[in-house]
Structure formats: C-alpha cells, structure tokens
PDB file of all heavy atoms in Angstrom:
ATOM      1  N   GLY A   1     -17.362 -49.362  59.748  1.00  0.00           N
ATOM      2  CA  GLY A   1     -16.113 -49.499  59.113  1.00  0.00           C
ATOM      3  C   GLY A   1     -16.043 -50.510  58.083  1.00  0.00           C
ATOM      4  O   GLY A   1     -14.926 -50.715  57.531  1.00  0.00           O
ATOM      5  N   ARG A   2     -17.134 -51.133  57.701  1.00  0.00           N
ATOM      6  CA  ARG A   2     -17.146 -52.177  56.669  1.00  0.00           C
ATOM      7  C   ARG A   2     -17.070 -51.549  55.305  1.00  0.00           C
ATOM      8  O   ARG A   2     -16.597 -52.213  54.356  1.00  0.00           O
ATOM      9  CB  ARG A   2     -18.352 -53.052  56.790  1.00  0.00           C
ATOM     10  CG  ARG A   2     -18.449 -53.841  58.074  1.00  0.00           C
ATOM     11  CD  ARG A   2     -19.661 -54.772  58.130  1.00  0.00           C
ATOM     12  NE  ARG A   2     -19.728 -55.651  57.031  1.00  0.00           N
ATOM     13  CZ  ARG A   2     -20.774 -56.402  56.715  1.00  0.00           C
ATOM     14  NH1 ARG A   2     -21.913 -56.215  57.296  1.00  0.00           N
ATOM     15  NH2 ARG A   2     -20.791 -57.193  55.610  1.00  0.00           N
ATOM     16  N   ILE A   3     -17.588 -50.368  55.143  1.00  0.00           N
ATOM     17  CA  ILE A   3     -17.561 -49.686  53.865  1.00  0.00           C
ATOM     18  C   ILE A   3     -16.835 -48.310  54.114  1.00  0.00           C
ATOM     19  O   ILE A   3     -17.237 -47.598  55.012  1.00  0.00           O
ATOM     20  CB  ILE A   3     -18.878 -49.380  53.280  1.00  0.00           C
ATOM     21  CG1 ILE A   3     -19.646 -50.691  52.996  1.00  0.00           C
ATOM     22  CG2 ILE A   3     -18.770 -48.653  51.919  1.00  0.00           C
ATOM     23  CD1 ILE A   3     -21.050 -50.498  52.448  1.00  0.00           C
ATOM     24  N   ALA A   4     -15.763 -48.074  53.357  1.00  0.00           N
ATOM     25  CA  ALA A   4     -14.975 -46.809  53.585  1.00  0.00           C
ATOM     26  C   ALA A   4     -15.764 -45.631  52.965  1.00  0.00           C
ATOM     27  O   ALA A   4     -16.743 -45.788  52.209  1.00  0.00           O
ATOM     28  CB  ALA A   4     -13.655 -46.963  52.880  1.00  0.00           C
ATOM     29  N   LEU A   5     -15.384 -44.409  53.359  1.00  0.00           N
ATOM     30  CA  LEU A   5     -16.058 -43.201  52.943  1.00  0.00           C
ATOM     31  C   LEU A   5     -16.120 -43.015  51.481  1.00  0.00           C
ATOM     32  O   LEU A   5     -17.229 -42.738  50.897  1.00  0.00           O
ATOM     33  CB  LEU A   5     -15.376 -41.983  53.646  1.00  0.00           C
ATOM     34  CG  LEU A   5     -15.989 -40.668  53.234  1.00  0.00           C
ATOM     35  CD1 LEU A   5     -17.434 -40.472  53.641  1.00  0.00           C
ATOM     36  CD2 LEU A   5     -15.125 -39.512  53.811  1.00  0.00           C
ATOM     37  N   THR A   6     -14.999 -43.183  50.780  1.00  0.00           N
ATOM     38  CA  THR A   6     -14.968 -42.877  49.304  1.00  0.00           C
ATOM     39  C   THR A   6     -15.885 -43.869  48.560  1.00  0.00           C
ATOM     40  O   THR A   6     -16.660 -43.414  47.695  1.00  0.00           O
ATOM     41  CB  THR A   6     -13.543 -42.898  48.821  1.00  0.00           C
ATOM     42  OG1 THR A   6     -12.754 -42.052  49.648  1.00  0.00           O
ATOM     43  CG2 THR A   6     -13.522 -42.370  47.392  1.00  0.00           C
ATOM     44  N   PRO A   7     -15.783 -45.234  48.779  1.00  0.00           N
ATOM     45  CA  PRO A   7     -16.723 -46.097  48.044  1.00  0.00           C
ATOM     46  C   PRO A   7     -18.189 -45.748  48.448  1.00  0.00           C
ATOM     47  O   PRO A   7     -19.075 -45.918  47.620  1.00  0.00           O
ATOM     48  CB  PRO A   7     -16.346 -47.511  48.561  1.00  0.00           C
ATOM     49  CG  PRO A   7     -14.933 -47.334  49.015  1.00  0.00           C
ATOM     50  CD  PRO A   7     -14.808 -45.965  49.585  1.00  0.00           C
ATOM     51  N   ALA A   8     -18.420 -45.425  49.696  1.00  0.00           N
ATOM     52  CA  ALA A   8     -19.777 -45.152  50.171  1.00  0.00           C
ATOM     53  C   ALA A   8     -20.345 -43.979  49.393  1.00  0.00           C
ATOM     54  O   ALA A   8     -21.539 -43.947  49.089  1.00  0.00           O
ATOM     55  CB  ALA A   8     -19.755 -44.861  51.679  1.00  0.00           C
ATOM     56  N   VAL A   9     -19.567 -42.933  49.134  1.00  0.00           N
ATOM     57  CA  VAL A   9     -19.973 -41.787  48.389  1.00  0.00           C
ATOM     58  C   VAL A   9     -20.468 -42.211  46.985  1.00  0.00           C
ATOM     59  O   VAL A   9     -21.488 -41.784  46.476  1.00  0.00           O
ATOM     60  CB  VAL A   9     -18.886 -40.750  48.294  1.00  0.00           C
ATOM     61  CG1 VAL A   9     -19.269 -39.591  47.249  1.00  0.00           C
ATOM     62  CG2 VAL A   9     -18.669 -40.106  49.642  1.00  0.00           C
ATOM     63  N   GLU A  10     -19.654 -43.128  46.336  1.00  0.00           N
ATOM     64  CA  GLU A  10     -20.004 -43.606  45.057  1.00  0.00           C
ATOM     65  C   GLU A  10     -21.384 -44.334  45.054  1.00  0.00           C
ATOM     66  O   GLU A  10     -22.188 -44.202  44.197  1.00  0.00           O
ATOM     67  CB  GLU A  10     -18.920 -44.519  44.477  1.00  0.00           C
ATOM     68  CG  GLU A  10     -17.583 -43.847  44.244  1.00  0.00           C
ATOM     69  CD  GLU A  10     -17.570 -42.862  43.157  1.00  0.00           C
ATOM     70  OE1 GLU A  10     -18.287 -43.018  42.127  1.00  0.00           O
ATOM     71  OE2 GLU A  10     -16.954 -41.775  43.284  1.00  0.00           O
ATOM     72  N   LEU A  11     -21.498 -45.168  46.078  1.00  0.00           N
ATOM     73  CA  LEU A  11     -22.775 -45.989  46.229  1.00  0.00           C
ATOM     74  C   LEU A  11     -24.026 -45.084  46.518  1.00  0.00           C
ATOM     75  O   LEU A  11     -25.099 -45.503  46.219  1.00  0.00           O
ATOM     76  CB  LEU A  11     -22.603 -46.998  47.365  1.00  0.00           C
ATOM     77  CG  LEU A  11     -21.431 -48.029  47.165  1.00  0.00           C
ATOM     78  CD1 LEU A  11     -21.433 -48.915  48.434  1.00  0.00           C
ATOM     79  CD2 LEU A  11     -21.684 -48.861  45.939  1.00  0.00           C
ATOM     80  N   SER A  12     -23.732 -43.887  47.070  1.00  0.00           N
ATOM     81  CA  SER A  12     -24.904 -43.022  47.401  1.00  0.00           C
ATOM     82  C   SER A  12     -25.596 -42.540  46.158  1.00  0.00           C
ATOM     83  O   SER A  12     -26.728 -42.038  46.264  1.00  0.00           O
ATOM     84  CB  SER A  12     -24.402 -41.818  48.212  1.00  0.00           C
ATOM     85  OG  SER A  12     -23.658 -40.927  47.414  1.00  0.00           O
ATOM     86  N   TYR A  13     -24.977 -42.684  45.016  1.00  0.00           N
ATOM     87  CA  TYR A  13     -25.598 -42.237  43.721  1.00  0.00           C
ATOM     88  C   TYR A  13     -26.503 -43.317  43.136  1.00  0.00           C
ATOM     89  O   TYR A  13     -27.205 -43.051  42.180  1.00  0.00           O
ATOM     90  CB  TYR A  13     -24.522 -41.768  42.726  1.00  0.00           C
ATOM     91  CG  TYR A  13     -23.860 -40.495  43.085  1.00  0.00           C
ATOM     92  CD1 TYR A  13     -22.672 -40.493  43.803  1.00  0.00           C
ATOM     93  CD2 TYR A  13     -24.421 -39.291  42.745  1.00  0.00           C
ATOM     94  CE1 TYR A  13     -22.044 -39.315  44.149  1.00  0.00           C
ATOM     95  CE2 TYR A  13     -23.821 -38.087  43.045  1.00  0.00           C
ATOM     96  CZ  TYR A  13     -22.613 -38.123  43.784  1.00  0.00           C
ATOM     97  OH  TYR A  13     -21.975 -36.944  44.168  1.00  0.00           O
ATOM     98  N   LEU A  14     -26.522 -44.514  43.734  1.00  0.00           N
ATOM     99  CA  LEU A  14     -27.351 -45.571  43.260  1.00  0.00           C
ATOM    100  C   LEU A  14     -28.795 -45.243  43.768  1.00  0.00           C
ATOM    101  O   LEU A  14     -28.980 -44.638  44.822  1.00  0.00           O
ATOM    102  CB  LEU A  14     -26.956 -46.965  43.802  1.00  0.00           C
ATOM    103  CG  LEU A  14     -25.906 -47.695  43.033  1.00  0.00           C
ATOM    104  CD1 LEU A  14     -24.652 -46.946  42.789  1.00  0.00           C
ATOM    105  CD2 LEU A  14     -25.521 -49.044  43.758  1.00  0.00           C
ATOM    106  N   THR A  15     -29.770 -45.700  43.020  1.00  0.00           N
ATOM    107  CA  THR A  15     -31.149 -45.536  43.431  1.00  0.00           C
ATOM    108  C   THR A  15     -31.452 -46.387  44.710  1.00  0.00           C
ATOM    109  O   THR A  15     -30.649 -47.304  45.007  1.00  0.00           O
ATOM    110  CB  THR A  15     -32.179 -45.917  42.404  1.00  0.00           C
ATOM    111  OG1 THR A  15     -32.080 -47.350  42.150  1.00  0.00           O
ATOM    112  CG2 THR A  15     -31.925 -45.209  41.068  1.00  0.00           C
ATOM    113  N   GLU A  16     -32.448 -46.091  45.382  1.00  0.00           N
ATOM    114  CA  GLU A  16     -32.809 -46.879  46.573  1.00  0.00           C
ATOM    115  C   GLU A  16     -33.015 -48.363  46.225  1.00  0.00           C
ATOM    116  O   GLU A  16     -32.539 -49.206  46.953  1.00  0.00           O
ATOM    117  CB  GLU A  16     -34.099 -46.327  47.261  1.00  0.00           C
ATOM    118  CG  GLU A  16     -34.414 -46.984  48.574  1.00  0.00           C
ATOM    119  CD  GLU A  16     -35.574 -46.297  49.312  1.00  0.00           C
ATOM    120  OE1 GLU A  16     -35.821 -45.058  49.087  1.00  0.00           O
ATOM    121  OE2 GLU A  16     -36.243 -46.993  50.030  1.00  0.00           O
ATOM    122  N   GLN A  17     -33.661 -48.632  45.129  1.00  0.00           N
ATOM    123  CA  GLN A  17     -33.875 -50.013  44.718  1.00  0.00           C
ATOM    124  C   GLN A  17     -32.552 -50.698  44.449  1.00  0.00           C
ATOM    125  O   GLN A  17     -32.325 -51.881  44.796  1.00  0.00           O
ATOM    126  CB  GLN A  17     -34.814 -50.069  43.517  1.00  0.00           C
ATOM    127  CG  GLN A  17     -35.151 -51.502  43.027  1.00  0.00           C
ATOM    128  CD  GLN A  17     -36.022 -51.520  41.789  1.00  0.00           C
ATOM    129  OE1 GLN A  17     -36.314 -50.483  41.211  1.00  0.00           O
ATOM    130  NE2 GLN A  17     -36.426 -52.746  41.375  1.00  0.00           N
ATOM    131  N   GLU A  18     -31.662 -49.985  43.714  1.00  0.00           N
ATOM    132  CA  GLU A  18     -30.334 -50.555  43.422  1.00  0.00           C
ATOM    133  C   GLU A  18     -29.536 -50.801  44.674  1.00  0.00           C
ATOM    134  O   GLU A  18     -28.806 -51.846  44.735  1.00  0.00           O
ATOM    135  CB  GLU A  18     -29.635 -49.607  42.439  1.00  0.00           C
ATOM    136  CG  GLU A  18     -30.160 -49.470  41.042  1.00  0.00           C
ATOM    137  CD  GLU A  18     -29.648 -48.338  40.270  1.00  0.00           C
ATOM    138  OE1 GLU A  18     -29.038 -47.482  40.869  1.00  0.00           O
ATOM    139  OE2 GLU A  18     -29.857 -48.357  38.987  1.00  0.00           O
ATOM    140  N   GLN A  19     -29.663 -49.962  45.632  1.00  0.00           N
ATOM    141  CA  GLN A  19     -28.919 -50.120  46.916  1.00  0.00           C
ATOM    142  C   GLN A  19     -29.455 -51.324  47.603  1.00  0.00           C
ATOM    143  O   GLN A  19     -28.610 -52.111  48.249  1.00  0.00           O
ATOM    144  CB  GLN A  19     -29.090 -48.875  47.794  1.00  0.00           C
ATOM    145  CG  GLN A  19     -28.309 -47.695  47.234  1.00  0.00           C
ATOM    146  CD  GLN A  19     -28.366 -46.501  48.245  1.00  0.00           C
ATOM    147  OE1 GLN A  19     -28.175 -46.691  49.399  1.00  0.00           O
ATOM    148  NE2 GLN A  19     -28.559 -45.298  47.666  1.00  0.00           N
ATOM    149  N   HIS A  20     -30.714 -51.611  47.594  1.00  0.00           N
ATOM    150  CA  HIS A  20     -31.290 -52.813  48.188  1.00  0.00           C
ATOM    151  C   HIS A  20     -30.739 -54.086  47.480  1.00  0.00           C
ATOM    152  O   HIS A  20     -30.484 -55.099  48.141  1.00  0.00           O
ATOM    153  CB  HIS A  20     -32.815 -52.759  48.229  1.00  0.00           C
ATOM    154  CG  HIS A  20     -33.359 -51.935  49.350  1.00  0.00           C
ATOM    155  ND1 HIS A  20     -33.296 -52.359  50.645  1.00  0.00           N
ATOM    156  CD2 HIS A  20     -33.981 -50.724  49.351  1.00  0.00           C
ATOM    157  CE1 HIS A  20     -33.812 -51.403  51.454  1.00  0.00           C
ATOM    158  NE2 HIS A  20     -34.316 -50.408  50.655  1.00  0.00           N
ATOM    159  N   LEU A  21     -30.684 -54.017  46.182  1.00  0.00           N
ATOM    160  CA  LEU A  21     -30.143 -55.174  45.406  1.00  0.00           C
ATOM    161  C   LEU A  21     -28.697 -55.381  45.833  1.00  0.00           C
ATOM    162  O   LEU A  21     -28.238 -56.509  46.041  1.00  0.00           O
ATOM    163  CB  LEU A  21     -30.225 -54.950  43.890  1.00  0.00           C
ATOM    164  CG  LEU A  21     -31.644 -54.888  43.264  1.00  0.00           C
ATOM    165  CD1 LEU A  21     -31.543 -54.525  41.816  1.00  0.00           C
ATOM    166  CD2 LEU A  21     -32.291 -56.274  43.478  1.00  0.00           C
ATOM    167  N   LEU A  22     -27.919 -54.324  45.984  1.00  0.00           N
ATOM    168  CA  LEU A  22     -26.521 -54.465  46.355  1.00  0.00           C
ATOM    169  C   LEU A  22     -26.440 -55.019  47.781  1.00  0.00           C
ATOM    170  O   LEU A  22     -25.597 -55.818  48.105  1.00  0.00           O
ATOM    171  CB  LEU A  22     -25.807 -53.062  46.329  1.00  0.00           C
ATOM    172  CG  LEU A  22     -24.478 -53.018  46.900  1.00  0.00           C
ATOM    173  CD1 LEU A  22     -23.507 -53.890  46.133  1.00  0.00           C
ATOM    174  CD2 LEU A  22     -23.969 -51.568  46.890  1.00  0.00           C
ATOM    175  N   LEU A  23     -27.362 -54.551  48.689  1.00  0.00           N
ATOM    176  CA  LEU A  23     -27.310 -55.049  50.060  1.00  0.00           C
ATOM    177  C   LEU A  23     -27.566 -56.587  50.091  1.00  0.00           C
ATOM    178  O   LEU A  23     -26.910 -57.288  50.807  1.00  0.00           O
ATOM    179  CB  LEU A  23     -28.458 -54.368  50.834  1.00  0.00           C
ATOM    180  CG  LEU A  23     -28.629 -54.825  52.285  1.00  0.00           C
ATOM    181  CD1 LEU A  23     -27.460 -54.531  53.106  1.00  0.00           C
ATOM    182  CD2 LEU A  23     -29.910 -54.229  52.933  1.00  0.00           C
ATOM    183  N   ASN A  24     -28.451 -57.061  49.195  1.00  0.00           N
ATOM    184  CA  ASN A  24     -28.645 -58.515  49.155  1.00  0.00           C
ATOM    185  C   ASN A  24     -27.412 -59.207  48.762  1.00  0.00           C
ATOM    186  O   ASN A  24     -27.071 -60.311  49.295  1.00  0.00           O
ATOM    187  CB  ASN A  24     -29.762 -58.870  48.091  1.00  0.00           C
ATOM    188  CG  ASN A  24     -31.151 -58.448  48.558  1.00  0.00           C
ATOM    189  OD1 ASN A  24     -31.377 -58.296  49.791  1.00  0.00           O
ATOM    190  ND2 ASN A  24     -32.052 -58.205  47.664  1.00  0.00           N
ATOM    191  N   GLU A  25     -26.643 -58.697  47.838  1.00  0.00           N
ATOM    192  CA  GLU A  25     -25.394 -59.308  47.339  1.00  0.00           C
ATOM    193  C   GLU A  25     -24.342 -59.232  48.458  1.00  0.00           C
ATOM    194  O   GLU A  25     -23.589 -60.236  48.689  1.00  0.00           O
ATOM    195  CB  GLU A  25     -24.930 -58.632  46.084  1.00  0.00           C
ATOM    196  CG  GLU A  25     -23.609 -59.101  45.548  1.00  0.00           C
ATOM    197  CD  GLU A  25     -23.569 -60.596  45.215  1.00  0.00           C
ATOM    198  OE1 GLU A  25     -24.693 -61.129  44.954  1.00  0.00           O
ATOM    199  OE2 GLU A  25     -22.522 -61.196  45.214  1.00  0.00           O
ATOM    200  N   ILE A  26     -24.281 -58.099  49.137  1.00  0.00           N
ATOM    201  CA  ILE A  26     -23.306 -58.004  50.214  1.00  0.00           C
ATOM    202  C   ILE A  26     -23.589 -59.032  51.311  1.00  0.00           C
ATOM    203  O   ILE A  26     -22.657 -59.640  51.837  1.00  0.00           O
ATOM    204  CB  ILE A  26     -23.368 -56.557  50.796  1.00  0.00           C
ATOM    205  CG1 ILE A  26     -22.771 -55.547  49.893  1.00  0.00           C
ATOM    206  CG2 ILE A  26     -22.629 -56.484  52.164  1.00  0.00           C
ATOM    207  CD1 ILE A  26     -22.943 -54.086  50.303  1.00  0.00           C
ATOM    208  N   GLU A  27     -24.906 -59.226  51.669  1.00  0.00           N
ATOM    209  CA  GLU A  27     -25.195 -60.171  52.743  1.00  0.00           C
ATOM    210  C   GLU A  27     -24.936 -61.539  52.270  1.00  0.00           C
ATOM    211  O   GLU A  27     -24.481 -62.394  53.055  1.00  0.00           O
ATOM    212  CB  GLU A  27     -26.684 -60.004  53.081  1.00  0.00           C
ATOM    213  CG  GLU A  27     -26.990 -58.698  53.778  1.00  0.00           C
ATOM    214  CD  GLU A  27     -28.500 -58.515  54.105  1.00  0.00           C
ATOM    215  OE1 GLU A  27     -29.287 -59.209  53.380  1.00  0.00           O
ATOM    216  OE2 GLU A  27     -28.821 -57.713  54.978  1.00  0.00           O
ATOM    217  N   TYR A  28     -25.150 -61.849  51.011  1.00  0.00           N
ATOM    218  CA  TYR A  28     -24.916 -63.212  50.469  1.00  0.00           C
ATOM    219  C   TYR A  28     -23.469 -63.504  50.396  1.00  0.00           C
ATOM    220  O   TYR A  28     -22.956 -64.571  50.878  1.00  0.00           O
ATOM    221  CB  TYR A  28     -25.590 -63.350  49.116  1.00  0.00           C
ATOM    222  CG  TYR A  28     -25.106 -64.580  48.350  1.00  0.00           C
ATOM    223  CD1 TYR A  28     -25.455 -65.871  48.840  1.00  0.00           C
ATOM    224  CD2 TYR A  28     -24.328 -64.492  47.189  1.00  0.00           C
ATOM    225  CE1 TYR A  28     -25.048 -67.003  48.194  1.00  0.00           C
ATOM    226  CE2 TYR A  28     -23.910 -65.646  46.563  1.00  0.00           C
ATOM    227  CZ  TYR A  28     -24.233 -66.908  47.028  1.00  0.00           C
ATOM    228  OH  TYR A  28     -23.894 -68.034  46.381  1.00  0.00           O
ATOM    229  N   ALA A  29     -22.656 -62.601  49.909  1.00  0.00           N
ATOM    230  CA  ALA A  29     -21.252 -62.830  49.658  1.00  0.00           C
ATOM    231  C   ALA A  29     -20.425 -62.514  50.875  1.00  0.00           C
ATOM    232  O   ALA A  29     -19.219 -62.861  50.983  1.00  0.00           O
ATOM    233  CB  ALA A  29     -20.716 -61.954  48.506  1.00  0.00           C
ATOM    234  N   ASP A  30     -21.008 -61.856  51.885  1.00  0.00           N
ATOM    235  CA  ASP A  30     -20.324 -61.386  53.074  1.00  0.00           C
ATOM    236  C   ASP A  30     -19.055 -60.579  52.686  1.00  0.00           C
ATOM    237  O   ASP A  30     -18.010 -60.742  53.203  1.00  0.00           O
ATOM    238  CB  ASP A  30     -19.947 -62.591  53.964  1.00  0.00           C
ATOM    239  CG  ASP A  30     -19.439 -62.115  55.292  1.00  0.00           C
ATOM    240  OD1 ASP A  30     -19.924 -61.097  55.774  1.00  0.00           O
ATOM    241  OD2 ASP A  30     -18.703 -62.883  55.977  1.00  0.00           O
ATOM    242  N   ALA A  31     -19.260 -59.684  51.716  1.00  0.00           N
ATOM    243  CA  ALA A  31     -18.154 -58.828  51.265  1.00  0.00           C
ATOM    244  C   ALA A  31     -18.714 -57.509  50.752  1.00  0.00           C
ATOM    245  O   ALA A  31     -19.837 -57.465  50.249  1.00  0.00           O
ATOM    246  CB  ALA A  31     -17.413 -59.533  50.083  1.00  0.00           C
ATOM    247  N   THR A  32     -18.022 -56.449  50.958  1.00  0.00           N
ATOM    248  CA  THR A  32     -18.458 -55.129  50.541  1.00  0.00           C
ATOM    249  C   THR A  32     -17.628 -54.648  49.379  1.00  0.00           C
ATOM    250  O   THR A  32     -16.486 -55.111  49.141  1.00  0.00           O
ATOM    251  CB  THR A  32     -18.289 -54.071  51.719  1.00  0.00           C
ATOM    252  OG1 THR A  32     -16.915 -54.104  52.106  1.00  0.00           O
ATOM    253  CG2 THR A  32     -19.188 -54.461  52.858  1.00  0.00           C
ATOM    254  N   PRO A  33     -18.173 -53.717  48.559  1.00  0.00           N
ATOM    255  CA  PRO A  33     -17.468 -53.320  47.338  1.00  0.00           C
ATOM    256  C   PRO A  33     -16.232 -52.438  47.608  1.00  0.00           C
ATOM    257  O   PRO A  33     -16.201 -51.668  48.554  1.00  0.00           O
ATOM    258  CB  PRO A  33     -18.515 -52.542  46.572  1.00  0.00           C
ATOM    259  CG  PRO A  33     -19.482 -52.051  47.553  1.00  0.00           C
ATOM    260  CD  PRO A  33     -19.496 -53.114  48.626  1.00  0.00           C
ATOM    261  N   SER A  34     -15.187 -52.640  46.807  1.00  0.00           N
ATOM    262  CA  SER A  34     -14.055 -51.749  46.823  1.00  0.00           C
ATOM    263  C   SER A  34     -14.376 -50.467  46.188  1.00  0.00           C
ATOM    264  O   SER A  34     -15.432 -50.339  45.540  1.00  0.00           O
ATOM    265  CB  SER A  34     -12.917 -52.482  46.134  1.00  0.00           C
ATOM    266  OG  SER A  34     -13.138 -52.642  44.731  1.00  0.00           O
ATOM    267  N   LEU A  35     -13.426 -49.503  46.153  1.00  0.00           N
ATOM    268  CA  LEU A  35     -13.697 -48.274  45.402  1.00  0.00           C
ATOM    269  C   LEU A  35     -13.875 -48.528  43.947  1.00  0.00           C
ATOM    270  O   LEU A  35     -14.805 -47.950  43.357  1.00  0.00           O
ATOM    271  CB  LEU A  35     -12.494 -47.304  45.681  1.00  0.00           C
ATOM    272  CG  LEU A  35     -12.617 -45.980  44.852  1.00  0.00           C
ATOM    273  CD1 LEU A  35     -13.814 -45.199  45.182  1.00  0.00           C
ATOM    274  CD2 LEU A  35     -11.319 -45.137  45.183  1.00  0.00           C
ATOM    275  N   SER A  36     -13.072 -49.346  43.367  1.00  0.00           N
ATOM    276  CA  SER A  36     -13.188 -49.614  41.929  1.00  0.00           C
ATOM    277  C   SER A  36     -14.550 -50.261  41.634  1.00  0.00           C
ATOM    278  O   SER A  36     -15.215 -49.866  40.664  1.00  0.00           O
ATOM    279  CB  SER A  36     -12.052 -50.569  41.497  1.00  0.00           C
ATOM    280  OG  SER A  36     -12.246 -50.987  40.166  1.00  0.00           O
ATOM    281  N   GLN A  37     -14.991 -51.181  42.461  1.00  0.00           N
ATOM    282  CA  GLN A  37     -16.271 -51.841  42.214  1.00  0.00           C
ATOM    283  C   GLN A  37     -17.451 -50.794  42.419  1.00  0.00           C
ATOM    284  O   GLN A  37     -18.424 -50.813  41.664  1.00  0.00           O
ATOM    285  CB  GLN A  37     -16.461 -53.019  43.157  1.00  0.00           C
ATOM    286  CG  GLN A  37     -15.549 -54.200  42.804  1.00  0.00           C
ATOM    287  CD  GLN A  37     -15.544 -55.269  43.896  1.00  0.00           C
ATOM    288  OE1 GLN A  37     -15.708 -54.962  45.094  1.00  0.00           O
ATOM    289  NE2 GLN A  37     -15.430 -56.526  43.445  1.00  0.00           N
ATOM    290  N   ALA A  38     -17.268 -49.997  43.413  1.00  0.00           N
ATOM    291  CA  ALA A  38     -18.354 -48.998  43.707  1.00  0.00           C
ATOM    292  C   ALA A  38     -18.453 -47.996  42.498  1.00  0.00           C
ATOM    293  O   ALA A  38     -19.509 -47.611  42.112  1.00  0.00           O
ATOM    294  CB  ALA A  38     -18.035 -48.204  44.962  1.00  0.00           C
ATOM    295  N   GLN A  39     -17.321 -47.637  41.916  1.00  0.00           N
ATOM    296  CA  GLN A  39     -17.316 -46.722  40.770  1.00  0.00           C
ATOM    297  C   GLN A  39     -17.989 -47.416  39.570  1.00  0.00           C
ATOM    298  O   GLN A  39     -18.722 -46.752  38.823  1.00  0.00           O
ATOM    299  CB  GLN A  39     -15.898 -46.276  40.453  1.00  0.00           C
ATOM    300  CG  GLN A  39     -15.298 -45.379  41.456  1.00  0.00           C
ATOM    301  CD  GLN A  39     -13.818 -45.121  41.335  1.00  0.00           C
ATOM    302  OE1 GLN A  39     -13.145 -45.977  40.715  1.00  0.00           O
ATOM    303  NE2 GLN A  39     -13.340 -43.948  41.786  1.00  0.00           N
ATOM    304  N   ARG A  40     -17.732 -48.650  39.402  1.00  0.00           N
ATOM    305  CA  ARG A  40     -18.321 -49.428  38.244  1.00  0.00           C
ATOM    306  C   ARG A  40     -19.839 -49.572  38.483  1.00  0.00           C
ATOM    307  O   ARG A  40     -20.620 -49.380  37.544  1.00  0.00           O
ATOM    308  CB  ARG A  40     -17.647 -50.802  38.134  1.00  0.00           C
ATOM    309  CG  ARG A  40     -16.312 -50.746  37.492  1.00  0.00           C
ATOM    310  CD  ARG A  40     -15.583 -52.125  37.504  1.00  0.00           C
ATOM    311  NE  ARG A  40     -16.386 -53.189  36.966  1.00  0.00           N
ATOM    312  CZ  ARG A  40     -16.493 -53.355  35.603  1.00  0.00           C
ATOM    313  NH1 ARG A  40     -15.965 -52.461  34.774  1.00  0.00           N
ATOM    314  NH2 ARG A  40     -17.194 -54.371  35.172  1.00  0.00           N
ATOM    315  N   LEU A  41     -20.228 -49.820  39.738  1.00  0.00           N
ATOM    316  CA  LEU A  41     -21.693 -49.895  40.028  1.00  0.00           C
ATOM    317  C   LEU A  41     -22.381 -48.561  39.725  1.00  0.00           C
ATOM    318  O   LEU A  41     -23.519 -48.535  39.155  1.00  0.00           O
ATOM    319  CB  LEU A  41     -21.884 -50.273  41.472  1.00  0.00           C
ATOM    320  CG  LEU A  41     -21.466 -51.701  41.880  1.00  0.00           C
ATOM    321  CD1 LEU A  41     -21.542 -51.886  43.339  1.00  0.00           C
ATOM    322  CD2 LEU A  41     -22.343 -52.743  41.189  1.00  0.00           C
ATOM    323  N   ARG A  42     -21.716 -47.493  40.068  1.00  0.00           N
ATOM    324  CA  ARG A  42     -22.314 -46.120  39.818  1.00  0.00           C
ATOM    325  C   ARG A  42     -22.389 -45.921  38.305  1.00  0.00           C
ATOM    326  O   ARG A  42     -23.405 -45.363  37.824  1.00  0.00           O
ATOM    327  CB  ARG A  42     -21.460 -45.058  40.473  1.00  0.00           C
ATOM    328  CG  ARG A  42     -22.014 -43.641  40.242  1.00  0.00           C
ATOM    329  CD  ARG A  42     -21.080 -42.559  40.848  1.00  0.00           C
ATOM    330  NE  ARG A  42     -21.565 -41.263  40.510  1.00  0.00           N
ATOM    331  CZ  ARG A  42     -20.921 -40.144  40.809  1.00  0.00           C
ATOM    332  NH1 ARG A  42     -19.752 -40.234  41.523  1.00  0.00           N
ATOM    333  NH2 ARG A  42     -21.350 -38.929  40.434  1.00  0.00           N
TER     334      ARG A  42
END
C-alpha cells in the first residue's frame, strides 16, 4: 500500500534500470512518488 495502483502503472513503463534508480531514491528519501511525479518520471 505504499504505492497506489495508478502511480504504479505509470512507473511500470520505466526500464528495469530506471526502476532500480528510483528504488534507490525511494529508500534514501523514505518517500514514494505521487501520481504527478510518476507521470513526470515516465
């Protein structure tokens, strides 16, 4: 429940390498992307 379905769908379009980079940032910041942020990342 840390990432909602709609932002997760946007993040699924990132490459595997990009997702790992995002994971590093999530772990560091202890925060997950909002829908708006996920859309910008995509």
